[in-house]
PDB file of N, CA and C in Angstrom:
ATOM      1  N   MET A   1       0.588  -1.123  -0.343  1.00  0.00           N
ATOM      2  CA  MET A   1      -0.038  -0.816   0.352  1.00  0.00           C
ATOM      3  C   MET A   1       1.149   1.576  -0.243  1.00  0.00           C
ATOM      4  N   LYS A   2       0.744   2.117  -0.796  1.00  0.00           N
ATOM      5  CA  LYS A   2       1.316   3.050  -0.388  1.00  0.00           C
ATOM      6  C   LYS A   2       0.719   4.531  -0.296  1.00  0.00           C
ATOM      7  N   PHE A   3       0.829   5.142   0.215  1.00  0.00           N
ATOM      8  CA  PHE A   3       0.364   6.003   1.500  1.00  0.00           C
ATOM      9  C   PHE A   3       0.616   8.052   1.182  1.00  0.00           C
ATOM     10  N   THR A   4       0.747   8.585   1.514  1.00  0.00           N
ATOM     11  CA  THR A   4       1.610   9.878   1.721  1.00  0.00           C
ATOM     12  C   THR A   4       1.857   9.994   2.360  1.00  0.00           C
ATOM     13  N   TYR A   5       2.880  11.175   3.222  1.00  0.00           N
ATOM     14  CA  TYR A   5       3.633  11.250   4.145  1.00  0.00           C
ATOM     15  C   TYR A   5       2.335  12.200   5.006  1.00  0.00           C
ATOM     16  N   GLY A   6       1.786  12.928   4.716  1.00  0.00           N
ATOM     17  CA  GLY A   6       1.150  13.905   4.659  1.00  0.00           C
ATOM     18  C   GLY A   6      -0.233  13.319   5.034  1.00  0.00           C
ATOM     19  N   TRP A   7      -0.628  12.870   4.747  1.00  0.00           N
ATOM     20  CA  TRP A   7      -1.731  11.561   5.070  1.00  0.00           C
ATOM     21  C   TRP A   7      -1.767  10.995   5.776  1.00  0.00           C
ATOM     22  N   LEU A   8      -0.843  10.947   6.455  1.00  0.00           N
ATOM     23  CA  LEU A   8      -0.260   9.477   7.904  1.00  0.00           C
ATOM     24  C   LEU A   8      -0.305  10.471   8.269  1.00  0.00           C
ATOM     25  N   ARG A   9       0.434  11.537   8.387  1.00  0.00           N
ATOM     26  CA  ARG A   9       0.440  12.668   9.637  1.00  0.00           C
ATOM     27  C   ARG A   9      -1.017  13.642  10.445  1.00  0.00           C
ATOM     28  N   ASP A  10      -1.840  13.175   9.442  1.00  0.00           N
ATOM     29  CA  ASP A  10      -3.223  13.275   9.265  1.00  0.00           C
ATOM     30  C   ASP A  10      -4.082  13.023  10.515  1.00  0.00           C
ATOM     31  N   HIS A  11      -3.543  11.055  10.612  1.00  0.00           N
ATOM     32  CA  HIS A  11      -4.026  10.082  10.911  1.00  0.00           C
ATOM     33  C   HIS A  11      -3.652  10.124  11.769  1.00  0.00           C
ATOM     34  N   LEU A  12      -2.355  10.357  12.429  1.00  0.00           N
ATOM     35  CA  LEU A  12      -1.134  10.054  13.799  1.00  0.00           C
ATOM     36  C   LEU A  12      -0.959  10.955  14.246  1.00  0.00           C
ATOM     37  N   GLU A  13      -1.125  12.127  15.387  1.00  0.00           N
ATOM     38  CA  GLU A  13      -0.599  13.155  15.933  1.00  0.00           C
ATOM     39  C   GLU A  13       0.871  12.592  16.540  1.00  0.00           C
ATOM     40  N   THR A  14       1.807  13.077  16.356  1.00  0.00           N
ATOM     41  CA  THR A  14       3.106  12.009  16.445  1.00  0.00           C
ATOM     42  C   THR A  14       4.051  13.370  16.948  1.00  0.00           C
ATOM     43  N   ASP A  15       5.304  13.740  16.741  1.00  0.00           N
ATOM     44  CA  ASP A  15       6.432  14.640  16.627  1.00  0.00           C
ATOM     45  C   ASP A  15       7.642  13.679  15.993  1.00  0.00           C
ATOM     46  N   ALA A  16       7.867  12.374  16.250  1.00  0.00           N
ATOM     47  CA  ALA A  16       8.422  12.007  15.874  1.00  0.00           C
ATOM     48  C   ALA A  16       9.100  12.368  14.114  1.00  0.00           C
ATOM     49  N   SER A  17       9.751  11.530  13.923  1.00  0.00           N
ATOM     50  CA  SER A  17      11.001  12.369  12.032  1.00  0.00           C
ATOM     51  C   SER A  17      10.169  11.056  11.745  1.00  0.00           C
ATOM     52  N   LEU A  18      10.798  11.825  10.431  1.00  0.00           N
ATOM     53  CA  LEU A  18      10.003  10.256   9.540  1.00  0.00           C
ATOM     54  C   LEU A  18      10.519   8.982   9.490  1.00  0.00           C
ATOM     55  N   GLU A  19      12.243   9.273   9.954  1.00  0.00           N
ATOM     56  CA  GLU A  19      13.157   8.301   9.943  1.00  0.00           C
ATOM     57  C   GLU A  19      12.069   7.301  11.006  1.00  0.00           C
ATOM     58  N   GLN A  20      11.559   8.145  12.437  1.00  0.00           N
ATOM     59  CA  GLN A  20      11.264   6.537  13.253  1.00  0.00           C
ATOM     60  C   GLN A  20       9.472   6.713  12.695  1.00  0.00           C
ATOM     61  N   ILE A  21       8.850   6.990  12.241  1.00  0.00           N
ATOM     62  CA  ILE A  21       7.734   6.452  11.968  1.00  0.00           C
ATOM     63  C   ILE A  21       8.165   5.386  10.759  1.00  0.00           C
ATOM     64  N   THR A  22       8.531   4.665  10.435  1.00  0.00           N
ATOM     65  CA  THR A  22       9.299   3.948   9.419  1.00  0.00           C
ATOM     66  C   THR A  22      10.083   2.775  10.728  1.00  0.00           C
ATOM     67  N   ASP A  23      10.628   3.270  11.111  1.00  0.00           N
ATOM     68  CA  ASP A  23      11.597   2.092  11.787  1.00  0.00           C
ATOM     69  C   ASP A  23       9.898   1.106  12.109  1.00  0.00           C
ATOM     70  N   THR A  24       9.381   2.601  12.997  1.00  0.00           N
ATOM     71  CA  THR A  24       7.472   1.715  14.417  1.00  0.00           C
ATOM     72  C   THR A  24       7.085   0.666  13.063  1.00  0.00           C
ATOM     73  N   LEU A  25       6.741   1.562  12.646  1.00  0.00           N
ATOM     74  CA  LEU A  25       5.904   0.185  11.482  1.00  0.00           C
ATOM     75  C   LEU A  25       6.511  -0.929  10.419  1.00  0.00           C
ATOM     76  N   THR A  26       8.042  -1.012  11.146  1.00  0.00           N
ATOM     77  CA  THR A  26       8.921  -2.151  10.579  1.00  0.00           C
ATOM     78  C   THR A  26       8.180  -2.597  11.555  1.00  0.00           C
ATOM     79  N   MET A  27       8.354  -2.217  13.394  1.00  0.00           N
ATOM     80  CA  MET A  27       8.184  -3.194  14.055  1.00  0.00           C
ATOM     81  C   MET A  27       7.071  -3.907  14.187  1.00  0.00           C
ATOM     82  N   VAL A  28       6.500  -2.827  14.261  1.00  0.00           N
ATOM     83  CA  VAL A  28       4.617  -3.491  14.423  1.00  0.00           C
ATOM     84  C   VAL A  28       4.962  -4.280  13.740  1.00  0.00           C
ATOM     85  N   GLY A  29       5.438  -4.924  12.526  1.00  0.00           N
ATOM     86  CA  GLY A  29       5.212  -6.221  10.912  1.00  0.00           C
ATOM     87  C   GLY A  29       5.012  -5.589  10.440  1.00  0.00           C
ATOM     88  N   LEU A  30       4.736  -3.757   9.626  1.00  0.00           N
ATOM     89  CA  LEU A  30       4.351  -3.592   7.581  1.00  0.00           C
ATOM     90  C   LEU A  30       5.711  -3.261   7.746  1.00  0.00           C
ATOM     91  N   GLU A  31       5.887  -3.857   6.454  1.00  0.00           N
ATOM     92  CA  GLU A  31       7.088  -3.366   6.136  1.00  0.00           C
ATOM     93  C   GLU A  31       6.917  -2.549   5.445  1.00  0.00           C
ATOM     94  N   VAL A  32       7.991  -1.736   5.271  1.00  0.00           N
ATOM     95  CA  VAL A  32       8.271  -0.383   4.539  1.00  0.00           C
ATOM     96  C   VAL A  32       9.087  -0.833   3.198  1.00  0.00           C
ATOM     97  N   GLU A  33       8.231  -0.666   2.457  1.00  0.00           N
ATOM     98  CA  GLU A  33       9.472  -0.899   1.510  1.00  0.00           C
ATOM     99  C   GLU A  33      10.474  -0.055   0.908  1.00  0.00           C
ATOM    100  N   GLY A  34      10.114   0.720   1.027  1.00  0.00           N
ATOM    101  CA  GLY A  34      11.179   2.493   0.335  1.00  0.00           C
ATOM    102  C   GLY A  34      10.399   3.732   0.962  1.00  0.00           C
ATOM    103  N   VAL A  35      10.996   5.064   0.901  1.00  0.00           N
ATOM    104  CA  VAL A  35      10.389   6.433   0.648  1.00  0.00           C
ATOM    105  C   VAL A  35      10.546   6.869   0.270  1.00  0.00           C
ATOM    106  N   GLU A  36       9.929   7.410  -1.137  1.00  0.00           N
ATOM    107  CA  GLU A  36      10.012   8.356  -2.279  1.00  0.00           C
ATOM    108  C   GLU A  36       9.978   9.899  -1.584  1.00  0.00           C
ATOM    109  N   ASN A  37      10.606  11.124  -1.959  1.00  0.00           N
ATOM    110  CA  ASN A  37      10.383  12.203  -2.509  1.00  0.00           C
ATOM    111  C   ASN A  37      10.742  13.205  -3.432  1.00  0.00           C
ATOM    112  N   LYS A  38       9.106  12.866  -3.892  1.00  0.00           N
ATOM    113  CA  LYS A  38       8.370  13.209  -5.076  1.00  0.00           C
ATOM    114  C   LYS A  38       9.075  14.923  -5.263  1.00  0.00           C
ATOM    115  N   ALA A  39       8.700  15.466  -4.113  1.00  0.00           N
ATOM    116  CA  ALA A  39       8.882  17.155  -4.228  1.00  0.00           C
ATOM    117  C   ALA A  39      11.056  17.603  -4.299  1.00  0.00           C
ATOM    118  N   GLU A  40      11.554  16.473  -4.164  1.00  0.00           N
ATOM    119  CA  GLU A  40      12.687  16.775  -4.121  1.00  0.00           C
ATOM    120  C   GLU A  40      13.065  16.519  -6.267  1.00  0.00           C
ATOM    121  N   GLU A  41      11.924  15.717  -7.159  1.00  0.00           N
ATOM    122  CA  GLU A  41      12.063  15.495  -8.490  1.00  0.00           C
ATOM    123  C   GLU A  41      11.765  16.477  -8.941  1.00  0.00           C
ATOM    124  N   LEU A  42      11.544  17.291  -8.696  1.00  0.00           N
ATOM    125  CA  LEU A  42      10.411  19.029  -9.584  1.00  0.00           C
ATOM    126  C   LEU A  42      10.849  20.109  -8.451  1.00  0.00           C
ATOM    127  N   ALA A  43      11.983  19.789  -7.652  1.00  0.00           N
ATOM    128  CA  ALA A  43      11.962  21.097  -7.409  1.00  0.00           C
ATOM    129  C   ALA A  43      13.133  22.642  -8.387  1.00  0.00           C
ATOM    130  N   ALA A  44      13.542  22.048  -9.157  1.00  0.00           N
ATOM    131  CA  ALA A  44      13.884  22.865 -10.464  1.00  0.00           C
ATOM    132  C   ALA A  44      12.666  23.508 -11.224  1.00  0.00           C
ATOM    133  N   PHE A  45      11.064  22.975 -10.561  1.00  0.00           N
ATOM    134  CA  PHE A  45      10.237  23.387 -12.341  1.00  0.00           C
ATOM    135  C   PHE A  45       9.601  24.352 -10.717  1.00  0.00           C
ATOM    136  N   THR A  46       9.185  25.754 -11.418  1.00  0.00           N
ATOM    137  CA  THR A  46       8.292  26.683 -10.272  1.00  0.00           C
ATOM    138  C   THR A  46       7.430  27.473 -11.377  1.00  0.00           C
ATOM    139  N   ALA A  47       7.616  28.752 -10.406  1.00  0.00           N
ATOM    140  CA  ALA A  47       5.687  29.234 -11.612  1.00  0.00           C
ATOM    141  C   ALA A  47       6.399  30.734 -11.734  1.00  0.00           C
ATOM    142  N   ALA A  48       5.789  31.062 -12.959  1.00  0.00           N
ATOM    143  CA  ALA A  48       6.789  31.808 -14.287  1.00  0.00           C
ATOM    144  C   ALA A  48       4.954  32.887 -14.527  1.00  0.00           C
ATOM    145  N   ARG A  49       5.816  34.005 -15.313  1.00  0.00           N
ATOM    146  CA  ARG A  49       4.487  35.163 -15.948  1.00  0.00           C
ATOM    147  C   ARG A  49       4.940  34.719 -17.071  1.00  0.00           C
ATOM    148  N   VAL A  50       3.787  34.838 -17.736  1.00  0.00           N
ATOM    149  CA  VAL A  50       3.997  35.219 -19.343  1.00  0.00           C
ATOM    150  C   VAL A  50       4.552  36.450 -19.732  1.00  0.00           C
ATOM    151  N   LEU A  51       5.485  37.509 -19.401  1.00  0.00           N
ATOM    152  CA  LEU A  51       5.625  38.958 -19.948  1.00  0.00           C
ATOM    153  C   LEU A  51       4.698  38.927 -21.451  1.00  0.00           C
ATOM    154  N   LYS A  52       5.070  38.014 -22.379  1.00  0.00           N
ATOM    155  CA  LYS A  52       4.703  38.168 -24.010  1.00  0.00           C
ATOM    156  C   LYS A  52       5.208  37.139 -24.393  1.00  0.00           C
ATOM    157  N   ALA A  53       3.728  37.066 -25.296  1.00  0.00           N
ATOM    158  CA  ALA A  53       3.999  35.382 -26.367  1.00  0.00           C
ATOM    159  C   ALA A  53       3.498  35.847 -28.524  1.00  0.00           C
ATOM    160  N   GLU A  54       4.001  35.637 -28.237  1.00  0.00           N
ATOM    161  CA  GLU A  54       4.398  35.862 -30.110  1.00  0.00           C
ATOM    162  C   GLU A  54       3.943  34.345 -30.768  1.00  0.00           C
ATOM    163  N   GLN A  55       3.406  34.144 -31.823  1.00  0.00           N
ATOM    164  CA  GLN A  55       4.072  33.241 -32.952  1.00  0.00           C
ATOM    165  C   GLN A  55       5.320  32.664 -33.723  1.00  0.00           C
ATOM    166  N   HIS A  56       6.325  31.944 -33.088  1.00  0.00           N
ATOM    167  CA  HIS A  56       7.374  31.513 -33.822  1.00  0.00           C
ATOM    168  C   HIS A  56       7.840  32.285 -35.813  1.00  0.00           C
ATOM    169  N   PRO A  57       8.226  32.538 -35.400  1.00  0.00           N
ATOM    170  CA  PRO A  57       8.476  32.519 -37.142  1.00  0.00           C
ATOM    171  C   PRO A  57       8.450  31.652 -38.661  1.00  0.00           C
ATOM    172  N   ASN A  58       9.160  30.022 -37.482  1.00  0.00           N
ATOM    173  CA  ASN A  58      10.252  29.499 -38.007  1.00  0.00           C
ATOM    174  C   ASN A  58       8.718  27.930 -38.355  1.00  0.00           C
ATOM    175  N   ALA A  59       7.467  28.277 -37.249  1.00  0.00           N
ATOM    176  CA  ALA A  59       6.701  27.094 -36.571  1.00  0.00           C
ATOM    177  C   ALA A  59       5.029  27.610 -36.761  1.00  0.00           C
ATOM    178  N   ASP A  60       4.306  26.616 -36.845  1.00  0.00           N
ATOM    179  CA  ASP A  60       3.441  27.097 -36.802  1.00  0.00           C
ATOM    180  C   ASP A  60       2.797  27.345 -35.335  1.00  0.00           C
ATOM    181  N   LYS A  61       2.988  26.048 -35.670  1.00  0.00           N
ATOM    182  CA  LYS A  61       2.615  25.195 -34.146  1.00  0.00           C
ATOM    183  C   LYS A  61       3.435  25.608 -32.712  1.00  0.00           C
ATOM    184  N   LEU A  62       4.543  26.354 -32.495  1.00  0.00           N
ATOM    185  CA  LEU A  62       4.924  27.408 -32.048  1.00  0.00           C
ATOM    186  C   LEU A  62       5.033  28.614 -32.015  1.00  0.00           C
ATOM    187  N   ARG A  63       5.281  28.294 -29.770  1.00  0.00           N
ATOM    188  CA  ARG A  63       4.764  30.356 -29.819  1.00  0.00           C
ATOM    189  C   ARG A  63       6.677  30.266 -29.267  1.00  0.00           C
ATOM    190  N   VAL A  64       7.104  32.079 -28.756  1.00  0.00           N
ATOM    191  CA  VAL A  64       8.342  32.557 -28.766  1.00  0.00           C
ATOM    192  C   VAL A  64       7.423  33.472 -27.130  1.00  0.00           C
ATOM    193  N   CYS A  65       7.719  33.361 -26.111  1.00  0.00           N
ATOM    194  CA  CYS A  65       7.224  33.465 -25.081  1.00  0.00           C
ATOM    195  C   CYS A  65       7.912  33.234 -24.312  1.00  0.00           C
ATOM    196  N   GLU A  66       8.489  35.058 -23.585  1.00  0.00           N
ATOM    197  CA  GLU A  66       9.433  35.821 -22.275  1.00  0.00           C
ATOM    198  C   GLU A  66       8.810  35.635 -21.357  1.00  0.00           C
ATOM    199  N   VAL A  67       9.436  34.904 -20.573  1.00  0.00           N
ATOM    200  CA  VAL A  67       8.791  34.696 -18.955  1.00  0.00           C
ATOM    201  C   VAL A  67       9.369  35.144 -17.921  1.00  0.00           C
ATOM    202  N   GLU A  68       9.321  35.344 -17.248  1.00  0.00           N
ATOM    203  CA  GLU A  68       9.777  36.102 -15.624  1.00  0.00           C
ATOM    204  C   GLU A  68      10.058  35.538 -14.788  1.00  0.00           C
ATOM    205  N   TRP A  69      10.712  34.695 -13.917  1.00  0.00           N
ATOM    206  CA  TRP A  69      10.256  33.965 -13.237  1.00  0.00           C
ATOM    207  C   TRP A  69      11.477  33.690 -12.403  1.00  0.00           C
ATOM    208  N   SER A  70      11.825  33.217 -10.298  1.00  0.00           N
ATOM    209  CA  SER A  70      12.494  33.769  -9.591  1.00  0.00           C
ATOM    210  C   SER A  70      13.510  34.078  -9.855  1.00  0.00           C
ATOM    211  N   GLY A  71      14.697  33.424 -11.207  1.00  0.00           N
ATOM    212  CA  GLY A  71      15.922  33.791 -11.814  1.00  0.00           C
ATOM    213  C   GLY A  71      15.439  34.667 -12.425  1.00  0.00           C
ATOM    214  N   GLY A  72      15.042  35.411 -13.274  1.00  0.00           N
ATOM    215  CA  GLY A  72      15.167  36.396 -14.097  1.00  0.00           C
ATOM    216  C   GLY A  72      14.470  35.864 -15.139  1.00  0.00           C
ATOM    217  N   ILE A  73      14.305  36.703 -16.115  1.00  0.00           N
ATOM    218  CA  ILE A  73      13.455  37.214 -17.257  1.00  0.00           C
ATOM    219  C   ILE A  73      13.972  36.035 -17.961  1.00  0.00           C
ATOM    220  N   GLU A  74      13.591  35.069 -18.858  1.00  0.00           N
ATOM    221  CA  GLU A  74      13.978  34.446 -20.285  1.00  0.00           C
ATOM    222  C   GLU A  74      13.601  34.045 -21.420  1.00  0.00           C
ATOM    223  N   LYS A  75      13.609  33.642 -22.371  1.00  0.00           N
ATOM    224  CA  LYS A  75      12.833  34.004 -24.097  1.00  0.00           C
ATOM    225  C   LYS A  75      13.283  32.051 -24.138  1.00  0.00           C
ATOM    226  N   VAL A  76      11.689  31.868 -23.779  1.00  0.00           N
ATOM    227  CA  VAL A  76      11.554  30.586 -24.498  1.00  0.00           C
ATOM    228  C   VAL A  76      10.949  29.543 -25.465  1.00  0.00           C
ATOM    229  N   VAL A  77      10.862  28.825 -26.137  1.00  0.00           N
ATOM    230  CA  VAL A  77      10.453  29.085 -27.283  1.00  0.00           C
ATOM    231  C   VAL A  77       9.517  27.169 -27.087  1.00  0.00           C
ATOM    232  N   CYS A  78       8.093  27.560 -26.282  1.00  0.00           N
ATOM    233  CA  CYS A  78       7.174  26.688 -26.073  1.00  0.00           C
ATOM    234  C   CYS A  78       5.328  26.107 -27.071  1.00  0.00           C
ATOM    235  N   GLY A  79       5.608  24.859 -27.284  1.00  0.00           N
ATOM    236  CA  GLY A  79       4.772  24.177 -27.884  1.00  0.00           C
ATOM    237  C   GLY A  79       3.022  24.201 -27.487  1.00  0.00           C
ATOM    238  N   ALA A  80       2.473  24.862 -26.467  1.00  0.00           N
ATOM    239  CA  ALA A  80       0.944  25.567 -25.632  1.00  0.00           C
ATOM    240  C   ALA A  80       0.375  25.956 -27.005  1.00  0.00           C
ATOM    241  N   PRO A  81      -0.222  25.692 -26.825  1.00  0.00           N
ATOM    242  CA  PRO A  81      -1.035  26.840 -27.367  1.00  0.00           C
ATOM    243  C   PRO A  81      -1.816  27.909 -26.697  1.00  0.00           C
ATOM    244  N   ASN A  82      -2.415  27.152 -26.046  1.00  0.00           N
ATOM    245  CA  ASN A  82      -2.624  28.418 -24.858  1.00  0.00           C
ATOM    246  C   ASN A  82      -1.862  29.658 -24.139  1.00  0.00           C
ATOM    247  N   ALA A  83      -0.761  29.673 -24.475  1.00  0.00           N
ATOM    248  CA  ALA A  83       0.445  30.480 -23.553  1.00  0.00           C
ATOM    249  C   ALA A  83       0.473  32.276 -24.604  1.00  0.00           C
ATOM    250  N   ARG A  84      -0.281  33.158 -23.846  1.00  0.00           N
ATOM    251  CA  ARG A  84      -0.464  34.009 -23.535  1.00  0.00           C
ATOM    252  C   ARG A  84       0.161  34.927 -22.819  1.00  0.00           C
ATOM    253  N   THR A  85      -0.381  35.862 -23.146  1.00  0.00           N
ATOM    254  CA  THR A  85       0.950  37.395 -22.962  1.00  0.00           C
ATOM    255  C   THR A  85       0.042  37.302 -20.854  1.00  0.00           C
ATOM    256  N   GLY A  86       0.102  37.155 -20.809  1.00  0.00           N
ATOM    257  CA  GLY A  86       0.287  37.610 -18.505  1.00  0.00           C
ATOM    258  C   GLY A  86      -0.735  36.180 -18.005  1.00  0.00           C
ATOM    259  N   MET A  87      -0.021  35.248 -18.710  1.00  0.00           N
ATOM    260  CA  MET A  87      -1.081  33.811 -17.887  1.00  0.00           C
ATOM    261  C   MET A  87       0.692  33.180 -17.134  1.00  0.00           C
ATOM    262  N   VAL A  88       0.444  32.265 -15.932  1.00  0.00           N
ATOM    263  CA  VAL A  88       0.683  32.102 -14.949  1.00  0.00           C
ATOM    264  C   VAL A  88       0.745  30.783 -14.680  1.00  0.00           C
ATOM    265  N   GLY A  89       1.753  30.482 -15.901  1.00  0.00           N
ATOM    266  CA  GLY A  89       2.481  28.375 -15.463  1.00  0.00           C
ATOM    267  C   GLY A  89       3.438  27.724 -15.303  1.00  0.00           C
ATOM    268  N   VAL A  90       3.664  27.262 -15.318  1.00  0.00           N
ATOM    269  CA  VAL A  90       4.831  25.830 -14.789  1.00  0.00           C
ATOM    270  C   VAL A  90       6.508  26.017 -15.576  1.00  0.00           C
ATOM    271  N   PHE A  91       7.605  26.651 -15.096  1.00  0.00           N
ATOM    272  CA  PHE A  91       8.694  26.856 -16.043  1.00  0.00           C
ATOM    273  C   PHE A  91       9.631  26.134 -15.424  1.00  0.00           C
ATOM    274  N   ALA A  92      10.469  25.782 -16.328  1.00  0.00           N
ATOM    275  CA  ALA A  92      11.757  25.013 -15.489  1.00  0.00           C
ATOM    276  C   ALA A  92      13.217  25.118 -16.124  1.00  0.00           C
ATOM    277  N   PRO A  93      14.521  25.754 -15.512  1.00  0.00           N
ATOM    278  CA  PRO A  93      14.768  26.370 -16.533  1.00  0.00           C
ATOM    279  C   PRO A  93      15.821  25.017 -17.190  1.00  0.00           C
ATOM    280  N   SER A  94      16.637  26.028 -17.722  1.00  0.00           N
ATOM    281  CA  SER A  94      17.854  24.663 -19.050  1.00  0.00           C
ATOM    282  C   SER A  94      18.415  24.089 -17.789  1.00  0.00           C
ATOM    283  N   GLY A  95      18.389  23.143 -17.951  1.00  0.00           N
ATOM    284  CA  GLY A  95      19.069  21.791 -17.091  1.00  0.00           C
ATOM    285  C   GLY A  95      18.517  20.708 -17.013  1.00  0.00           C
ATOM    286  N   SER A  96      17.143  21.351 -16.170  1.00  0.00           N
ATOM    287  CA  SER A  96      16.288  20.537 -15.570  1.00  0.00           C
ATOM    288  C   SER A  96      15.538  19.198 -15.375  1.00  0.00           C
ATOM    289  N   TYR A  97      15.723  18.915 -15.096  1.00  0.00           N
ATOM    290  CA  TYR A  97      15.356  16.949 -15.874  1.00  0.00           C
ATOM    291  C   TYR A  97      13.726  16.917 -15.729  1.00  0.00           C
ATOM    292  N   ARG A  98      13.651  16.446 -16.085  1.00  0.00           N
ATOM    293  CA  ARG A  98      11.631  16.198 -16.796  1.00  0.00           C
ATOM    294  C   ARG A  98      11.325  15.037 -15.860  1.00  0.00           C
ATOM    295  N   PRO A  99      11.481  13.788 -14.515  1.00  0.00           N
ATOM    296  CA  PRO A  99      11.247  12.887 -14.526  1.00  0.00           C
ATOM    297  C   PRO A  99      10.162  12.612 -15.342  1.00  0.00           C
ATOM    298  N   GLY A 100       9.996  10.852 -15.194  1.00  0.00           N
ATOM    299  CA  GLY A 100       8.898  10.270 -15.897  1.00  0.00           C
ATOM    300  C   GLY A 100       9.462  10.325 -18.072  1.00  0.00           C
ATOM    301  N   SER A 101      10.117  10.968 -17.352  1.00  0.00           N
ATOM    302  CA  SER A 101      10.337  11.130 -19.810  1.00  0.00           C
ATOM    303  C   SER A 101      11.790  10.455 -19.843  1.00  0.00           C
ATOM    304  N   GLY A 102      12.535  10.941 -19.268  1.00  0.00           N
ATOM    305  CA  GLY A 102      14.018  10.612 -19.510  1.00  0.00           C
ATOM    306  C   GLY A 102      14.542  12.460 -19.966  1.00  0.00           C
ATOM    307  N   MET A 103      13.908  12.729 -19.752  1.00  0.00           N
ATOM    308  CA  MET A 103      15.199  14.111 -20.919  1.00  0.00           C
ATOM    309  C   MET A 103      15.195  14.883 -19.980  1.00  0.00           C
ATOM    310  N   THR A 104      16.075  16.325 -20.399  1.00  0.00           N
ATOM    311  CA  THR A 104      16.418  16.564 -19.983  1.00  0.00           C
ATOM    312  C   THR A 104      16.367  17.954 -20.269  1.00  0.00           C
ATOM    313  N   LEU A 105      16.074  18.865 -20.470  1.00  0.00           N
ATOM    314  CA  LEU A 105      15.706  20.536 -21.346  1.00  0.00           C
ATOM    315  C   LEU A 105      16.942  20.845 -21.029  1.00  0.00           C
ATOM    316  N   GLN A 106      16.831  21.552 -22.550  1.00  0.00           N
ATOM    317  CA  GLN A 106      18.848  22.286 -22.710  1.00  0.00           C
ATOM    318  C   GLN A 106      17.748  22.787 -23.532  1.00  0.00           C
ATOM    319  N   ALA A 107      18.891  24.279 -23.697  1.00  0.00           N
ATOM    320  CA  ALA A 107      18.836  25.431 -24.129  1.00  0.00           C
ATOM    321  C   ALA A 107      19.282  24.621 -25.898  1.00  0.00           C
ATOM    322  N   THR A 108      18.627  25.102 -26.623  1.00  0.00           N
ATOM    323  CA  THR A 108      19.226  25.087 -28.494  1.00  0.00           C
ATOM    324  C   THR A 108      19.874  26.998 -29.160  1.00  0.00           C
TER     325      THR A 108
END
């Protein structure tokens, strides 16, 4: 069975650390196969505001967006047809790993 740490904390009143909780679960006969922190995998992803969105000059289905995020302002090529000025969306800078895809984002 899989469950989140947040769900467990909702149903368990304790100040114990995650390690203490997993050790205790094992001691009462529940096998803990592993603990995954999904937030670590997505740490590079952040919110960004689209300052400007224009049609890509050489592609019908791409847009060139100027985005503002915590690391500054960057130009990105985007395949989202709904990308528009003023929208807020998810942004990952170049070099970020995209979990589940086996892909690392790169600047070209």
